Structures are given as C-alpha cells and as structure tokens.
Amino acid sequence: MQDRSRLDLQKEESSSGFLLWGIAGLGAGLAIGLLIAPDKGEKIRQNLKKSVGDGLDHLLESVENSLEKAYEKAVEDEKAGEGSASS
C-alpha cells in the first residue's frame, strides 16, 4: 500500500514540475517575442494581454483538474479505510 502512495506522490510531483516548466517556457517565449517583435506597441500589448489570459485560463483549468483528482483520491481512500475498518 505504501508503494502505491509513493508512486502517486511521484506522479503529482512530475505533473506539478511539468506545469512550472510550462509557465517558465511561456514567460521566456513572451520575453523573447517582445524583444524581437516588429509590431507597434499597442499591437504587442494586445497580443500580450491575450497570451496572459490564455495562460491563466490554462493554469486555472490545470488547478481545477488537480483539485478534482485530489478530491476523488480522498474519497477513494476514505471508502477503502471504511472497508478495512469494518472487516
């Protein structure tokens, strides 16, 4: 049982690391884009606003999915605990 929880923890750590690297990549891409952008300032600000909005939407979706999985796991663990307690 302990090995299973260790694997679950490793999966959570790798998915959160992936998310952090994704955010870092988005930031680096935006910075490079701003440095070499041929557009006017207003156009750049509009694109930046859209990109940040899209990134925040994706982040929110990822957080919601993680919370749902954590809740489902907690319910599963609680049911498993009830089953072993009544045995």
N, C-alpha and C. Protein backbone atom coordinates (compact mmCIF):
# COMPACT_ATOMS: atom_id res chain seq x y z
N MET A 1 0.82 -1.19 0.00
CA MET A 1 0.00 0.00 0.00
C MET A 1 0.87 1.26 0.00
N GLN A 2 1.97 1.20 0.77
CA GLN A 2 2.85 2.35 0.84
C GLN A 2 3.51 2.62 -0.51
N ASP A 3 3.84 1.55 -1.26
CA ASP A 3 4.44 1.74 -2.58
C ASP A 3 3.49 2.47 -3.51
N ARG A 4 2.20 2.18 -3.40
CA ARG A 4 1.22 2.84 -4.26
C ARG A 4 1.18 4.34 -3.96
N SER A 5 1.17 4.71 -2.70
CA SER A 5 1.12 6.13 -2.36
C SER A 5 2.41 6.83 -2.78
N ARG A 6 3.53 6.12 -2.73
CA ARG A 6 4.80 6.69 -3.18
C ARG A 6 4.75 6.97 -4.68
N LEU A 7 4.14 6.06 -5.45
CA LEU A 7 4.00 6.26 -6.89
C LEU A 7 3.07 7.42 -7.18
N ASP A 8 1.98 7.53 -6.43
CA ASP A 8 1.06 8.64 -6.61
C ASP A 8 1.76 9.96 -6.33
N LEU A 9 2.58 10.01 -5.29
CA LEU A 9 3.31 11.22 -4.95
C LEU A 9 4.29 11.59 -6.06
N GLN A 10 4.97 10.59 -6.62
CA GLN A 10 5.91 10.85 -7.72
C GLN A 10 5.17 11.40 -8.94
N LYS A 11 3.98 10.87 -9.23
CA LYS A 11 3.20 11.36 -10.36
C LYS A 11 2.79 12.81 -10.15
N GLU A 12 2.35 13.14 -8.91
CA GLU A 12 1.95 14.50 -8.61
C GLU A 12 3.14 15.45 -8.74
N GLU A 13 4.31 15.04 -8.25
CA GLU A 13 5.49 15.89 -8.34
C GLU A 13 5.89 16.13 -9.79
N SER A 14 5.81 15.08 -10.62
CA SER A 14 6.21 15.26 -12.02
C SER A 14 5.21 16.13 -12.76
N SER A 15 3.91 16.03 -12.45
CA SER A 15 2.93 16.86 -13.14
C SER A 15 3.05 18.31 -12.70
N SER A 16 3.33 18.56 -11.41
CA SER A 16 3.50 19.94 -10.97
C SER A 16 4.78 20.53 -11.54
N GLY A 17 5.83 19.72 -11.67
CA GLY A 17 7.07 20.19 -12.29
C GLY A 17 6.85 20.54 -13.75
N PHE A 18 6.05 19.72 -14.43
CA PHE A 18 5.73 19.99 -15.83
C PHE A 18 4.99 21.32 -15.95
N LEU A 19 4.06 21.57 -15.05
CA LEU A 19 3.31 22.81 -15.07
C LEU A 19 4.23 24.01 -14.85
N LEU A 20 5.13 23.91 -13.88
CA LEU A 20 6.05 25.01 -13.61
C LEU A 20 6.97 25.28 -14.80
N TRP A 21 7.48 24.21 -15.42
CA TRP A 21 8.33 24.40 -16.60
C TRP A 21 7.54 25.00 -17.75
N GLY A 22 6.28 24.63 -17.85
CA GLY A 22 5.42 25.20 -18.90
C GLY A 22 5.23 26.69 -18.71
N ILE A 23 5.00 27.10 -17.47
CA ILE A 23 4.84 28.52 -17.17
C ILE A 23 6.14 29.27 -17.43
N ALA A 24 7.26 28.66 -17.04
CA ALA A 24 8.57 29.30 -17.29
C ALA A 24 8.81 29.44 -18.79
N GLY A 25 8.46 28.42 -19.55
CA GLY A 25 8.62 28.49 -21.01
C GLY A 25 7.75 29.56 -21.63
N LEU A 26 6.52 29.69 -21.12
CA LEU A 26 5.62 30.73 -21.61
C LEU A 26 6.22 32.11 -21.36
N GLY A 27 6.75 32.31 -20.15
CA GLY A 27 7.36 33.60 -19.82
C GLY A 27 8.57 33.90 -20.69
N ALA A 28 9.40 32.89 -20.91
CA ALA A 28 10.59 33.09 -21.75
C ALA A 28 10.18 33.40 -23.19
N GLY A 29 9.18 32.70 -23.67
CA GLY A 29 8.70 32.95 -25.03
C GLY A 29 8.14 34.36 -25.19
N LEU A 30 7.41 34.80 -24.18
CA LEU A 30 6.87 36.17 -24.23
C LEU A 30 7.99 37.20 -24.22
N ALA A 31 8.99 36.99 -23.38
CA ALA A 31 10.10 37.94 -23.30
C ALA A 31 10.86 38.02 -24.62
N ILE A 32 11.14 36.87 -25.21
CA ILE A 32 11.85 36.85 -26.50
C ILE A 32 10.99 37.50 -27.57
N GLY A 33 9.71 37.20 -27.56
CA GLY A 33 8.80 37.79 -28.55
C GLY A 33 8.76 39.29 -28.46
N LEU A 34 8.76 39.81 -27.24
CA LEU A 34 8.74 41.27 -27.07
C LEU A 34 10.04 41.91 -27.58
N LEU A 35 11.14 41.22 -27.38
CA LEU A 35 12.42 41.77 -27.80
C LEU A 35 12.57 41.84 -29.32
N ILE A 36 12.00 40.89 -30.03
CA ILE A 36 12.19 40.85 -31.49
C ILE A 36 10.93 41.20 -32.27
N ALA A 37 9.93 41.71 -31.57
CA ALA A 37 8.64 41.99 -32.22
C ALA A 37 8.74 43.17 -33.18
N PRO A 38 8.23 43.00 -34.40
CA PRO A 38 8.24 44.09 -35.37
C PRO A 38 6.98 44.97 -35.28
N ASP A 39 6.01 44.58 -34.45
CA ASP A 39 4.75 45.31 -34.38
C ASP A 39 4.85 46.57 -33.52
N LYS A 40 3.80 47.39 -33.61
CA LYS A 40 3.71 48.59 -32.78
C LYS A 40 3.40 48.20 -31.34
N GLY A 41 3.65 49.12 -30.43
CA GLY A 41 3.45 48.87 -29.01
C GLY A 41 2.04 48.44 -28.65
N GLU A 42 1.05 49.09 -29.26
CA GLU A 42 -0.34 48.76 -28.94
C GLU A 42 -0.67 47.32 -29.36
N LYS A 43 -0.20 46.95 -30.51
CA LYS A 43 -0.44 45.58 -31.00
C LYS A 43 0.25 44.57 -30.09
N ILE A 44 1.45 44.87 -29.64
CA ILE A 44 2.19 43.98 -28.74
C ILE A 44 1.42 43.83 -27.43
N ARG A 45 0.91 44.95 -26.89
CA ARG A 45 0.16 44.88 -25.64
C ARG A 45 -1.11 44.04 -25.79
N GLN A 46 -1.78 44.16 -26.92
CA GLN A 46 -2.97 43.34 -27.16
C GLN A 46 -2.61 41.86 -27.21
N ASN A 47 -1.55 41.54 -27.92
CA ASN A 47 -1.11 40.14 -28.01
C ASN A 47 -0.67 39.61 -26.65
N LEU A 48 0.04 40.44 -25.90
CA LEU A 48 0.50 40.04 -24.57
C LEU A 48 -0.70 39.79 -23.65
N LYS A 49 -1.68 40.68 -23.70
CA LYS A 49 -2.87 40.52 -22.88
C LYS A 49 -3.60 39.22 -23.22
N LYS A 50 -3.71 38.92 -24.50
CA LYS A 50 -4.36 37.68 -24.93
C LYS A 50 -3.56 36.46 -24.47
N SER A 51 -2.25 36.52 -24.63
CA SER A 51 -1.40 35.39 -24.22
C SER A 51 -1.46 35.14 -22.72
N VAL A 52 -1.42 36.20 -21.94
CA VAL A 52 -1.51 36.06 -20.49
C VAL A 52 -2.88 35.51 -20.10
N GLY A 53 -3.92 35.99 -20.73
CA GLY A 53 -5.26 35.49 -20.46
C GLY A 53 -5.37 34.01 -20.78
N ASP A 54 -4.84 33.61 -21.93
CA ASP A 54 -4.86 32.19 -22.32
C ASP A 54 -4.07 31.35 -21.32
N GLY A 55 -2.91 31.86 -20.91
CA GLY A 55 -2.08 31.13 -19.95
C GLY A 55 -2.78 30.98 -18.61
N LEU A 56 -3.44 32.04 -18.15
CA LEU A 56 -4.17 31.96 -16.89
C LEU A 56 -5.34 31.00 -16.98
N ASP A 57 -6.03 31.00 -18.12
CA ASP A 57 -7.12 30.04 -18.32
C ASP A 57 -6.61 28.61 -18.24
N HIS A 58 -5.47 28.36 -18.88
CA HIS A 58 -4.89 27.02 -18.86
C HIS A 58 -4.45 26.65 -17.44
N LEU A 59 -3.86 27.59 -16.73
CA LEU A 59 -3.44 27.35 -15.36
C LEU A 59 -4.64 27.04 -14.47
N LEU A 60 -5.71 27.81 -14.61
CA LEU A 60 -6.91 27.58 -13.83
C LEU A 60 -7.49 26.19 -14.11
N GLU A 61 -7.53 25.83 -15.37
CA GLU A 61 -8.02 24.51 -15.75
C GLU A 61 -7.17 23.39 -15.13
N SER A 62 -5.86 23.57 -15.15
CA SER A 62 -4.96 22.57 -14.56
C SER A 62 -5.17 22.45 -13.06
N VAL A 63 -5.34 23.58 -12.40
CA VAL A 63 -5.56 23.57 -10.95
C VAL A 63 -6.89 22.89 -10.64
N GLU A 64 -7.93 23.20 -11.41
CA GLU A 64 -9.23 22.57 -11.19
C GLU A 64 -9.14 21.06 -11.37
N ASN A 65 -8.44 20.61 -12.41
CA ASN A 65 -8.28 19.18 -12.64
C ASN A 65 -7.53 18.52 -11.49
N SER A 66 -6.48 19.17 -11.00
CA SER A 66 -5.71 18.63 -9.88
C SER A 66 -6.56 18.53 -8.63
N LEU A 67 -7.37 19.55 -8.37
CA LEU A 67 -8.24 19.52 -7.20
C LEU A 67 -9.28 18.41 -7.30
N GLU A 68 -9.84 18.24 -8.49
CA GLU A 68 -10.82 17.16 -8.70
C GLU A 68 -10.19 15.79 -8.45
N LYS A 69 -8.97 15.60 -8.97
CA LYS A 69 -8.28 14.32 -8.77
C LYS A 69 -7.97 14.10 -7.30
N ALA A 70 -7.55 15.15 -6.60
CA ALA A 70 -7.25 15.03 -5.18
C ALA A 70 -8.50 14.69 -4.39
N TYR A 71 -9.62 15.30 -4.75
CA TYR A 71 -10.88 15.01 -4.07
C TYR A 71 -11.30 13.57 -4.31
N GLU A 72 -11.22 13.13 -5.57
CA GLU A 72 -11.57 11.75 -5.89
C GLU A 72 -10.68 10.76 -5.14
N LYS A 73 -9.41 11.07 -5.04
CA LYS A 73 -8.46 10.21 -4.32
C LYS A 73 -8.81 10.16 -2.84
N ALA A 74 -9.17 11.31 -2.26
CA ALA A 74 -9.54 11.36 -0.84
C ALA A 74 -10.80 10.53 -0.58
N VAL A 75 -11.77 10.63 -1.48
CA VAL A 75 -13.00 9.85 -1.33
C VAL A 75 -12.69 8.36 -1.44
N GLU A 76 -11.84 8.00 -2.42
CA GLU A 76 -11.42 6.60 -2.58
C GLU A 76 -10.74 6.08 -1.33
N ASP A 77 -9.81 6.85 -0.79
CA ASP A 77 -9.07 6.45 0.41
C ASP A 77 -10.00 6.31 1.61
N GLU A 78 -10.98 7.22 1.69
CA GLU A 78 -11.92 7.16 2.80
C GLU A 78 -12.78 5.90 2.70
N LYS A 79 -13.23 5.57 1.49
CA LYS A 79 -14.03 4.36 1.29
C LYS A 79 -13.19 3.11 1.59
N ALA A 80 -11.95 3.11 1.17
CA ALA A 80 -11.06 1.98 1.42
C ALA A 80 -10.81 1.82 2.92
N GLY A 81 -10.69 2.92 3.64
CA GLY A 81 -10.50 2.89 5.08
C GLY A 81 -11.72 2.36 5.79
N GLU A 82 -12.90 2.72 5.33
CA GLU A 82 -14.14 2.23 5.92
C GLU A 82 -14.28 0.73 5.70
N GLY A 83 -13.88 0.27 4.53
CA GLY A 83 -13.97 -1.15 4.22
C GLY A 83 -13.05 -1.98 5.08
N SER A 84 -11.85 -1.50 5.32
CA SER A 84 -10.90 -2.26 6.14
C SER A 84 -11.25 -2.16 7.63
N ALA A 85 -11.89 -1.09 8.06
CA ALA A 85 -12.27 -0.92 9.46
C ALA A 85 -13.42 -1.85 9.83
N SER A 86 -14.30 -2.12 8.88
CA SER A 86 -15.45 -2.98 9.17
C SER A 86 -15.12 -4.45 9.04
N SER A 87 -13.95 -4.80 8.49
CA SER A 87 -13.56 -6.19 8.33
C SER A 87 -13.09 -6.81 9.62
